[in-house]
């Protein structure tokens, strides 16, 4: 470690250039560092930015950081956005469902609702189907967990075709028959 007042050239202490420098200490904090020979007793960078303003001078407001996230950002929209008709919700790394999130930290809301209902993260091959076909209706009663094959079957049937109507009618009929059966057994 050099002694206070020792002089050398910048290139001899692995600094760029050939200017003459002196080992000096900051007059306020005492931090030792290399300084130009012309200004050996100048303040270090930290002390010069914390310099107390003269009396009567207005204090400047600190600038808002450009990288502020969440509610501190002026463009914050509540952590929800719409992508391809689906609602996405921002979750943070301390959330147990964070492994389901995309690289941006957003997770599809319908997948999050079903995962919370099951109490576990969904696998990528598990699909969540909107029963009424409305991608923004993410109520528990409107969502069902399907395998990839079952979801493909649903996708192939359009919302208005007769086959889909028939499937809905048969499901309703099965439900009604089960209710009647339960009433008879009681």
Protein backbone atom coordinates (compact mmCIF):
# COMPACT_ATOMS: atom_id res chain seq x y z
CA UNK A 1 0.00 0.00 0.00
CA UNK A 2 1.46 3.39 -0.95
CA UNK A 3 2.19 6.17 1.56
CA UNK A 4 0.33 9.51 1.55
CA UNK A 5 2.13 11.91 -0.80
CA UNK A 6 3.75 9.19 -2.94
CA UNK A 7 3.67 10.06 -6.66
CA UNK A 8 3.80 7.89 -9.75
CA UNK A 9 2.28 7.58 -13.24
CA UNK A 10 -1.15 6.06 -13.90
CA UNK A 11 0.19 3.27 -16.13
CA UNK A 12 2.47 2.02 -13.32
CA UNK A 13 -0.50 1.30 -11.01
CA UNK A 14 -2.68 -0.38 -13.66
CA UNK A 15 -4.67 2.74 -14.50
CA UNK A 16 -5.06 4.01 -18.03
CA UNK A 17 -2.95 6.89 -19.28
CA UNK A 18 0.44 8.31 -18.29
CA UNK A 19 -0.63 11.29 -16.16
CA UNK A 20 1.21 11.85 -12.87
CA UNK A 21 -0.84 10.95 -9.78
CA UNK A 22 -0.40 11.20 -6.02
CA UNK A 23 -1.70 8.96 -3.19
CA UNK A 24 -3.99 11.24 -1.20
CA UNK A 25 -6.82 11.15 1.34
CA UNK A 26 -10.21 12.85 1.26
CA UNK A 27 -10.32 15.83 3.69
CA UNK A 28 -13.85 14.87 4.90
CA UNK A 29 -13.96 11.06 5.17
CA UNK A 30 -10.26 10.18 5.05
CA UNK A 31 -10.63 7.68 2.20
CA UNK A 32 -7.29 7.10 0.51
CA UNK A 33 -7.03 6.94 -3.28
CA UNK A 34 -4.99 8.08 -6.28
CA UNK A 35 -5.61 11.71 -7.35
CA UNK A 36 -4.13 13.98 -10.01
CA UNK A 37 -1.01 15.81 -8.80
CA UNK A 38 -2.66 19.16 -9.60
CA UNK A 39 -5.55 18.60 -7.10
CA UNK A 40 -4.29 16.24 -4.39
CA UNK A 41 -6.64 17.30 -1.57
CA UNK A 42 -9.93 17.21 -3.47
CA UNK A 43 -13.01 15.47 -2.07
CA UNK A 44 -13.66 11.87 -3.00
CA UNK A 45 -16.61 11.17 -5.30
CA UNK A 46 -18.91 10.10 -2.45
CA UNK A 47 -18.23 13.19 -0.32
CA UNK A 48 -18.55 15.57 -3.26
CA UNK A 49 -22.06 14.29 -4.05
CA UNK A 50 -23.14 14.56 -0.39
CA UNK A 51 -21.83 18.10 -0.03
CA UNK A 52 -24.06 20.27 2.19
CA UNK A 53 -25.80 23.10 0.33
CA UNK A 54 -25.28 26.69 1.44
CA UNK A 55 -27.96 28.38 3.58
CA UNK A 56 -30.93 29.67 1.60
CA UNK A 57 -30.38 27.31 -1.32
CA UNK A 58 -33.39 25.24 -2.33
CA UNK A 59 -32.98 21.52 -1.80
CA UNK A 60 -33.37 19.57 -5.00
CA UNK A 61 -35.84 16.72 -5.02
CA UNK A 62 -34.17 13.42 -5.75
CA UNK A 63 -34.96 12.21 -9.25
CA UNK A 64 -37.20 9.20 -9.55
CA UNK A 65 -35.31 6.17 -10.67
CA UNK A 66 -36.15 5.06 -14.20
CA UNK A 67 -36.07 1.43 -13.12
CA UNK A 68 -38.70 1.68 -10.38
CA UNK A 69 -41.03 -1.30 -10.46
CA UNK A 70 -44.49 -1.91 -9.11
CA UNK A 71 -46.65 0.84 -7.66
CA UNK A 72 -43.65 3.24 -7.58
CA UNK A 73 -43.52 3.38 -11.38
CA UNK A 74 -45.64 6.07 -13.03
CA UNK A 75 -46.78 3.60 -15.71
CA UNK A 76 -48.04 1.01 -13.16
CA UNK A 77 -51.37 -0.47 -14.16
CA UNK A 78 -52.01 -2.67 -11.15
CA UNK A 79 -49.98 -5.71 -12.20
CA UNK A 80 -52.58 -6.93 -14.72
CA UNK A 81 -52.36 -6.92 -18.49
CA UNK A 82 -54.11 -8.53 -21.43
CA UNK A 83 -52.12 -10.72 -23.83
CA UNK A 84 -53.78 -12.46 -26.78
CA UNK A 85 -57.17 -12.03 -25.08
CA UNK A 86 -56.02 -13.69 -21.82
CA UNK A 87 -55.54 -11.79 -18.57
CA UNK A 88 -52.02 -11.98 -17.09
CA UNK A 89 -51.21 -11.20 -13.45
CA UNK A 90 -47.82 -10.15 -12.07
CA UNK A 91 -46.50 -12.34 -9.25
CA UNK A 92 -43.24 -12.01 -7.37
CA UNK A 93 -40.52 -14.55 -6.67
CA UNK A 94 -41.68 -15.14 -3.08
CA UNK A 95 -45.07 -16.42 -4.36
CA UNK A 96 -45.35 -20.26 -4.23
CA UNK A 97 -46.83 -20.25 -7.76
CA UNK A 98 -43.89 -18.29 -9.22
CA UNK A 99 -42.52 -21.37 -11.10
CA UNK A 100 -45.58 -21.07 -13.40
CA UNK A 101 -44.67 -17.47 -14.33
CA UNK A 102 -43.13 -16.41 -17.60
CA UNK A 103 -39.70 -14.75 -17.68
CA UNK A 104 -41.39 -11.34 -17.18
CA UNK A 105 -43.00 -12.47 -13.89
CA UNK A 106 -46.52 -12.63 -15.35
CA UNK A 107 -48.70 -15.74 -15.15
CA UNK A 108 -51.96 -16.40 -16.98
CA UNK A 109 -54.74 -15.65 -14.50
CA UNK A 110 -56.90 -18.66 -15.41
CA UNK A 111 -53.97 -21.02 -14.75
CA UNK A 112 -53.25 -19.26 -11.45
CA UNK A 113 -56.89 -19.56 -10.30
CA UNK A 114 -56.94 -23.33 -10.96
CA UNK A 115 -53.50 -23.81 -9.36
CA UNK A 116 -54.64 -21.99 -6.21
CA UNK A 117 -57.77 -24.14 -6.10
CA UNK A 118 -55.67 -27.33 -6.37
CA UNK A 119 -52.98 -26.01 -4.02
CA UNK A 120 -50.10 -26.79 -6.39
CA UNK A 121 -48.39 -25.46 -9.51
CA UNK A 122 -49.75 -26.68 -12.82
CA UNK A 123 -47.56 -28.67 -15.17
CA UNK A 124 -46.95 -27.16 -18.62
CA UNK A 125 -48.87 -30.02 -20.30
CA UNK A 126 -51.96 -29.41 -18.14
CA UNK A 127 -54.46 -27.15 -19.90
CA UNK A 128 -57.15 -24.96 -18.37
CA UNK A 129 -60.35 -24.66 -20.39
CA UNK A 130 -62.87 -21.80 -20.24
CA UNK A 131 -66.27 -23.53 -20.32
CA UNK A 132 -68.15 -20.54 -21.73
CA UNK A 133 -65.41 -19.67 -24.26
CA UNK A 134 -64.81 -16.21 -22.72
CA UNK A 135 -61.05 -15.90 -22.10
CA UNK A 136 -61.54 -13.07 -19.59
CA UNK A 137 -64.05 -14.93 -17.37
CA UNK A 138 -61.68 -16.51 -14.86
CA UNK A 139 -64.16 -17.57 -12.17
CA UNK A 140 -63.61 -21.01 -10.61
CA UNK A 141 -66.96 -22.29 -11.91
CA UNK A 142 -66.00 -21.40 -15.51
CA UNK A 143 -62.62 -23.15 -15.50
CA UNK A 144 -61.77 -26.83 -15.81
CA UNK A 145 -58.45 -28.64 -15.86
CA UNK A 146 -57.95 -30.87 -18.90
CA UNK A 147 -55.28 -33.05 -20.39
CA UNK A 148 -53.73 -31.99 -23.69
CA UNK A 149 -55.82 -34.54 -25.63
CA UNK A 150 -59.12 -33.47 -24.04
CA UNK A 151 -58.31 -29.81 -24.62
CA UNK A 152 -57.58 -30.48 -28.29
CA UNK A 153 -61.01 -32.12 -28.61
CA UNK A 154 -62.64 -29.00 -27.16
CA UNK A 155 -60.65 -26.74 -29.46
CA UNK A 156 -61.72 -28.70 -32.54
CA UNK A 157 -65.41 -28.20 -31.72
CA UNK A 158 -66.54 -24.68 -32.40
CA UNK A 159 -68.70 -22.89 -29.84
CA UNK A 160 -71.83 -22.97 -32.02
CA UNK A 161 -71.69 -26.41 -33.64
CA UNK A 162 -74.39 -29.02 -32.98
CA UNK A 163 -71.95 -31.56 -31.56
CA UNK A 164 -70.86 -29.20 -28.79
CA UNK A 165 -74.49 -28.39 -27.97
CA UNK A 166 -75.22 -32.10 -27.80
CA UNK A 167 -72.28 -32.70 -25.44
CA UNK A 168 -73.50 -29.89 -23.16
CA UNK A 169 -77.03 -31.28 -23.18
CA UNK A 170 -75.81 -34.79 -22.31
CA UNK A 171 -73.63 -33.50 -19.46
CA UNK A 172 -76.60 -31.58 -18.07
CA UNK A 173 -78.82 -34.69 -18.37
CA UNK A 174 -76.23 -36.83 -16.51
CA UNK A 175 -76.06 -34.23 -13.74
CA UNK A 176 -79.85 -34.18 -13.40
CA UNK A 177 -80.05 -37.99 -13.28
CA UNK A 178 -77.35 -38.08 -10.57
CA UNK A 179 -79.32 -35.58 -8.48
CA UNK A 180 -82.51 -37.66 -8.86
CA UNK A 181 -80.62 -40.80 -7.88
CA UNK A 182 -79.22 -39.12 -4.76
CA UNK A 183 -82.71 -37.96 -3.71
CA UNK A 184 -84.06 -41.54 -4.06
CA UNK A 185 -81.24 -42.96 -1.95
CA UNK A 186 -81.90 -40.50 0.89
